[in-house]
Amino acid sequence: MTLFHSKKKSTAGTGDFNRLPRHIAIIMDGNGRWAQRRGLPRTAGHAAGAEAFRTIATYCRDIGLPYLTVYAFSTENWSRPPEEVAAIMRLLEKYLAEAIEKMERENMRLRILGDLTPLAPEFRDLVTRTNRISETLHDFQANICLNYGGRDEILKAASVFASECLEGKRSPSSLTPELFSSYLTTAGLPDPDLIIRPSGEIRVSNFLLWQSAYAEYYFTDTLWPDFGKEELNRAIADFQGRSRRFGGI
């Protein structure tokens, strides 16, 4: 029996789509190792990883998933060799430029999450343009975490709240999980139901620390450039077989 069915034609076959997670997040890991195993420069792995993201994002839209969030570049990734960082930024800039041309036609919202202040003005301009287009779209949304770190996000949210308390706009006793969430870069997004980490590593790597409190995790040895539709299907099937009690019985 097949697991999935789409309002649009997809390679997954037909089946019940009512139990899809609402929000899937992916740590896109393994690009460098994928390239090294093939005797290629690490930059080739990042290019292959970008194509994997394109494939998975399109597939998620087609099967009816509302939200996909991917970890593209962390606040710690600046420590990588400068040429590798530059290559990643060029790929992201290329993707954004292409997305601007296709977003409305493909009905795909795109949002960049993270601290964009260190990025080039031209890059930030592309982000502004994609955000402007996204405001007119209302279906599938892909989020790219860029210069993002979970601890950094929580510290900045706490700092803003503390400043508002000092200014008399808030009181410390008013703080709730819901209010705190509104200070995060993911404000307005549902928490991820399923977080996927390819590449064989088993750690969260500072990704969506607050938002993942009750997320289900799926780990696989598959390197990100090789992560395709069938691997995503297996992750979703695994998720559907779990009992989510959120602290209850």
Protein backbone atom coordinates (compact mmCIF):
# COMPACT_ATOMS: atom_id res chain seq x y z
CA MET A 1 0.00 0.00 0.00
CA THR A 2 1.34 3.41 -0.87
CA LEU A 3 1.49 6.09 1.75
CA PHE A 4 0.98 9.35 -0.04
CA HIS A 5 -1.43 11.14 -2.30
CA SER A 6 -1.21 14.61 -3.75
CA LYS A 7 -3.68 17.01 -5.22
CA LYS A 8 -0.95 17.41 -7.83
CA LYS A 9 0.66 14.53 -9.63
CA SER A 10 3.70 13.17 -7.76
CA THR A 11 5.98 10.16 -7.88
CA ALA A 12 4.78 8.93 -4.50
CA GLY A 13 1.62 7.24 -5.77
CA THR A 14 -1.75 7.50 -4.07
CA GLY A 15 -2.93 6.98 -0.51
CA ASP A 16 -4.05 8.89 2.56
CA PHE A 17 -2.44 12.28 2.97
CA ASN A 18 -4.37 13.37 6.03
CA ARG A 19 -1.61 12.51 8.51
CA LEU A 20 1.23 14.53 7.07
CA PRO A 21 3.18 16.57 9.56
CA ARG A 22 2.35 20.23 9.28
CA HIS A 23 5.95 21.41 9.47
CA ILE A 24 9.13 19.50 8.58
CA ALA A 25 12.59 20.89 9.35
CA ILE A 26 15.82 19.51 7.89
CA ILE A 27 19.46 19.93 8.88
CA MET A 28 21.08 19.79 5.44
CA ASP A 29 24.26 17.96 6.43
CA GLY A 30 26.83 15.95 4.50
CA ASN A 31 27.59 18.10 1.44
CA GLY A 32 31.33 18.20 2.08
CA ARG A 33 31.66 14.47 2.72
CA TRP A 34 29.56 13.71 -0.37
CA ALA A 35 32.05 15.66 -2.48
CA GLN A 36 35.16 14.25 -0.82
CA ARG A 37 34.01 10.67 -1.41
CA ARG A 38 33.86 11.50 -5.11
CA GLY A 39 37.19 13.28 -5.22
CA LEU A 40 35.47 16.62 -5.76
CA PRO A 41 35.96 19.97 -4.02
CA ARG A 42 33.60 20.65 -1.12
CA THR A 43 31.99 23.41 -3.15
CA ALA A 44 30.67 20.75 -5.55
CA GLY A 45 28.94 19.13 -2.61
CA HIS A 46 27.21 22.38 -1.70
CA ALA A 47 26.02 22.75 -5.31
CA ALA A 48 24.60 19.23 -5.19
CA GLY A 49 23.02 20.01 -1.83
CA ALA A 50 21.33 23.08 -3.31
CA GLU A 51 19.76 20.88 -5.99
CA ALA A 52 18.60 18.44 -3.31
CA PHE A 53 16.88 21.33 -1.52
CA ARG A 54 15.19 22.38 -4.74
CA THR A 55 13.91 18.83 -5.28
CA ILE A 56 12.67 18.35 -1.72
CA ALA A 57 11.03 21.78 -1.51
CA THR A 58 9.14 21.19 -4.74
CA TYR A 59 8.08 17.74 -3.60
CA CYS A 60 6.87 19.03 -0.23
CA ARG A 61 4.76 21.62 -2.02
CA ASP A 62 3.35 18.99 -4.36
CA ILE A 63 2.32 16.57 -1.61
CA GLY A 64 0.57 19.31 0.35
CA LEU A 65 2.99 19.97 3.21
CA PRO A 66 2.39 23.53 4.50
CA TYR A 67 5.87 24.33 5.89
CA LEU A 68 9.45 23.25 5.26
CA THR A 69 12.42 24.77 7.10
CA VAL A 70 16.04 23.97 6.25
CA TYR A 71 19.30 24.77 8.02
CA ALA A 72 21.56 26.24 5.34
CA PHE A 73 24.22 28.18 7.25
CA SER A 74 24.72 28.45 11.00
CA THR A 75 26.23 31.22 13.10
CA GLU A 76 29.17 28.83 13.64
CA ASN A 77 29.76 28.15 9.93
CA TRP A 78 31.72 31.39 9.52
CA SER A 79 34.71 29.46 10.91
CA ARG A 80 34.89 27.42 7.70
CA PRO A 81 37.48 28.29 5.02
CA PRO A 82 36.63 31.67 3.43
CA GLU A 83 36.40 30.19 -0.06
CA GLU A 84 33.82 27.65 1.11
CA VAL A 85 31.76 30.33 2.86
CA ALA A 86 31.89 32.46 -0.30
CA ALA A 87 30.74 29.51 -2.42
CA ILE A 88 27.78 28.85 -0.13
CA MET A 89 26.75 32.49 -0.26
CA ARG A 90 27.00 32.53 -4.06
CA LEU A 91 24.76 29.47 -4.26
CA LEU A 92 22.20 31.00 -1.93
CA GLU A 93 22.25 34.27 -3.86
CA LYS A 94 21.77 32.37 -7.12
CA TYR A 95 18.87 30.43 -5.64
CA LEU A 96 17.16 33.59 -4.39
CA ALA A 97 17.56 35.30 -7.76
CA GLU A 98 15.97 32.28 -9.46
CA ALA A 99 13.24 32.07 -6.82
CA ILE A 100 12.20 35.66 -7.46
CA GLU A 101 11.44 34.67 -11.05
CA LYS A 102 9.51 31.53 -10.11
CA MET A 103 7.79 32.06 -6.76
CA GLU A 104 4.47 33.39 -8.02
CA ARG A 105 4.34 30.94 -10.93
CA GLU A 106 5.10 27.95 -8.69
CA ASN A 107 3.06 29.25 -5.73
CA MET A 108 5.96 28.84 -3.32
CA ARG A 109 6.58 31.31 -0.51
CA LEU A 110 10.18 31.73 0.60
CA ARG A 111 11.39 33.25 3.85
CA ILE A 112 14.94 33.73 5.11
CA LEU A 113 15.41 33.31 8.88
CA GLY A 114 18.46 34.51 10.77
CA ASP A 115 20.69 37.52 11.31
CA LEU A 116 21.27 39.05 7.88
CA THR A 117 23.30 42.06 9.03
CA PRO A 118 26.73 40.54 8.12
CA LEU A 119 25.60 39.81 4.56
CA ALA A 120 26.29 41.94 1.50
CA PRO A 121 23.74 44.69 0.70
CA GLU A 122 22.95 43.03 -2.63
CA PHE A 123 22.09 39.80 -0.83
CA ARG A 124 19.88 41.59 1.68
CA ASP A 125 18.11 43.30 -1.21
CA LEU A 126 17.28 39.89 -2.71
CA VAL A 127 15.87 38.80 0.65
CA THR A 128 13.70 41.91 0.80
CA ARG A 129 12.37 41.22 -2.68
CA THR A 130 11.56 37.58 -1.88
CA ASN A 131 9.76 38.66 1.30
CA ARG A 132 7.72 41.18 -0.66
CA ILE A 133 6.62 38.53 -3.16
CA SER A 134 5.89 36.04 -0.37
CA GLU A 135 3.37 38.43 1.17
CA THR A 136 1.12 37.86 -1.85
CA LEU A 137 1.24 34.05 -1.64
CA HIS A 138 -0.63 31.86 0.82
CA ASP A 139 0.10 28.17 0.33
CA PHE A 140 3.38 26.27 0.76
CA GLN A 141 6.19 28.10 2.57
CA ALA A 142 9.87 27.19 2.51
CA ASN A 143 12.14 28.76 5.14
CA ILE A 144 15.92 28.93 4.82
CA CYS A 145 17.85 29.43 8.06
CA LEU A 146 20.85 31.57 7.16
CA ASN A 147 23.39 32.83 9.71
CA TYR A 148 21.06 31.25 12.23
CA GLY A 149 21.75 29.74 15.65
CA GLY A 150 19.24 28.61 18.22
CA ARG A 151 21.12 30.04 21.20
CA ASP A 152 21.68 33.35 19.42
CA GLU A 153 17.99 33.53 18.58
CA ILE A 154 16.93 32.91 22.20
CA LEU A 155 19.42 35.44 23.58
CA LYS A 156 18.22 38.14 21.18
CA ALA A 157 14.57 37.41 21.97
CA ALA A 158 15.28 37.61 25.71
CA SER A 159 17.16 40.87 25.20
CA VAL A 160 14.25 42.46 23.32
CA PHE A 161 11.78 41.37 25.98
CA ALA A 162 14.04 42.69 28.75
CA SER A 163 14.35 46.04 26.97
CA GLU A 164 10.57 46.29 26.67
CA CYS A 165 10.26 45.60 30.37
CA LEU A 166 12.73 48.38 31.16
CA GLU A 167 10.75 50.73 28.92
CA GLY A 168 7.53 49.84 30.72
CA LYS A 169 5.98 48.20 27.66
CA ARG A 170 5.95 44.76 29.32
CA SER A 171 6.14 43.33 32.80
CA PRO A 172 8.23 40.25 33.65
CA SER A 173 5.10 38.47 34.88
CA SER A 174 3.51 38.79 31.43
CA LEU A 175 5.99 36.39 29.84
CA THR A 176 4.44 33.15 28.54
CA PRO A 177 5.76 30.57 26.07
CA GLU A 178 3.43 32.00 23.45
CA LEU A 179 4.64 35.55 24.02
CA PHE A 180 8.28 34.51 24.02
CA SER A 181 7.75 32.69 20.71
CA SER A 182 6.60 35.96 19.17
CA TYR A 183 10.10 37.40 19.69
CA LEU A 184 11.80 34.61 17.75
CA THR A 185 12.72 34.74 14.08
CA THR A 186 10.17 31.98 13.48
CA ALA A 187 7.30 34.10 14.85
CA GLY A 188 4.08 33.15 13.09
CA LEU A 189 5.27 29.66 12.14
CA PRO A 190 4.05 26.48 13.81
CA ASP A 191 6.70 24.52 15.67
CA PRO A 192 8.23 21.70 13.60
CA ASP A 193 6.57 18.32 14.00
CA LEU A 194 9.44 16.40 12.43
CA ILE A 195 13.14 17.28 12.26
CA ILE A 196 15.29 15.28 9.86
CA ARG A 197 19.08 15.02 10.01
CA PRO A 198 20.87 13.26 7.15
CA SER A 199 24.58 12.26 7.12
CA GLY A 200 24.73 9.91 10.11
CA GLU A 201 25.35 12.59 12.73
CA ILE A 202 23.08 12.40 15.79
CA ARG A 203 22.90 15.86 17.30
CA VAL A 204 20.75 18.98 16.97
CA SER A 205 23.59 21.42 16.16
CA ASN A 206 21.98 24.53 17.65
CA PHE A 207 18.93 24.26 15.35
CA LEU A 208 15.48 25.46 16.44
CA LEU A 209 16.25 24.81 20.11
CA TRP A 210 13.10 26.47 21.48
CA GLN A 211 10.81 25.33 18.69
CA SER A 212 11.85 21.65 18.79
CA ALA A 213 10.73 20.99 22.38
CA TYR A 214 8.27 18.30 21.23
CA ALA A 215 9.47 17.60 17.71
CA GLU A 216 10.05 14.05 16.52
CA TYR A 217 13.53 13.36 15.14
CA TYR A 218 14.53 11.18 12.21
CA PHE A 219 18.21 10.39 11.59
CA THR A 220 19.60 8.73 8.48
CA ASP A 221 23.09 7.89 7.18
CA THR A 222 22.16 9.26 3.75
CA LEU A 223 24.20 12.34 2.90
CA TRP A 224 22.12 15.39 2.06
CA PRO A 225 22.87 15.54 -1.71
CA ASP A 226 21.57 11.95 -1.96
CA PHE A 227 18.47 12.68 0.13
CA GLY A 228 15.53 12.38 -2.24
CA LYS A 229 11.79 11.87 -2.31
CA GLU A 230 11.89 8.22 -1.22
CA GLU A 231 14.03 9.04 1.80
CA LEU A 232 11.59 11.78 2.74
CA ASN A 233 8.73 9.30 2.33
CA ARG A 234 10.45 6.94 4.77
CA ALA A 235 10.91 9.75 7.29
CA ILE A 236 7.25 10.71 7.05
CA ALA A 237 6.14 7.07 7.35
CA ASP A 238 8.31 6.71 10.45
CA PHE A 239 6.73 9.87 11.89
CA GLN A 240 3.25 8.55 11.19
CA GLY A 241 4.04 5.40 13.18
CA ARG A 242 4.87 7.30 16.36
CA SER A 243 2.58 8.19 19.24
CA ARG A 244 2.93 11.87 20.14
CA ARG A 245 1.80 12.45 23.74
CA PHE A 246 3.35 15.88 24.41
CA GLY A 247 4.07 14.93 28.02
CA GLY A 248 0.76 13.17 28.59
CA ILE A 249 -0.06 9.48 28.78
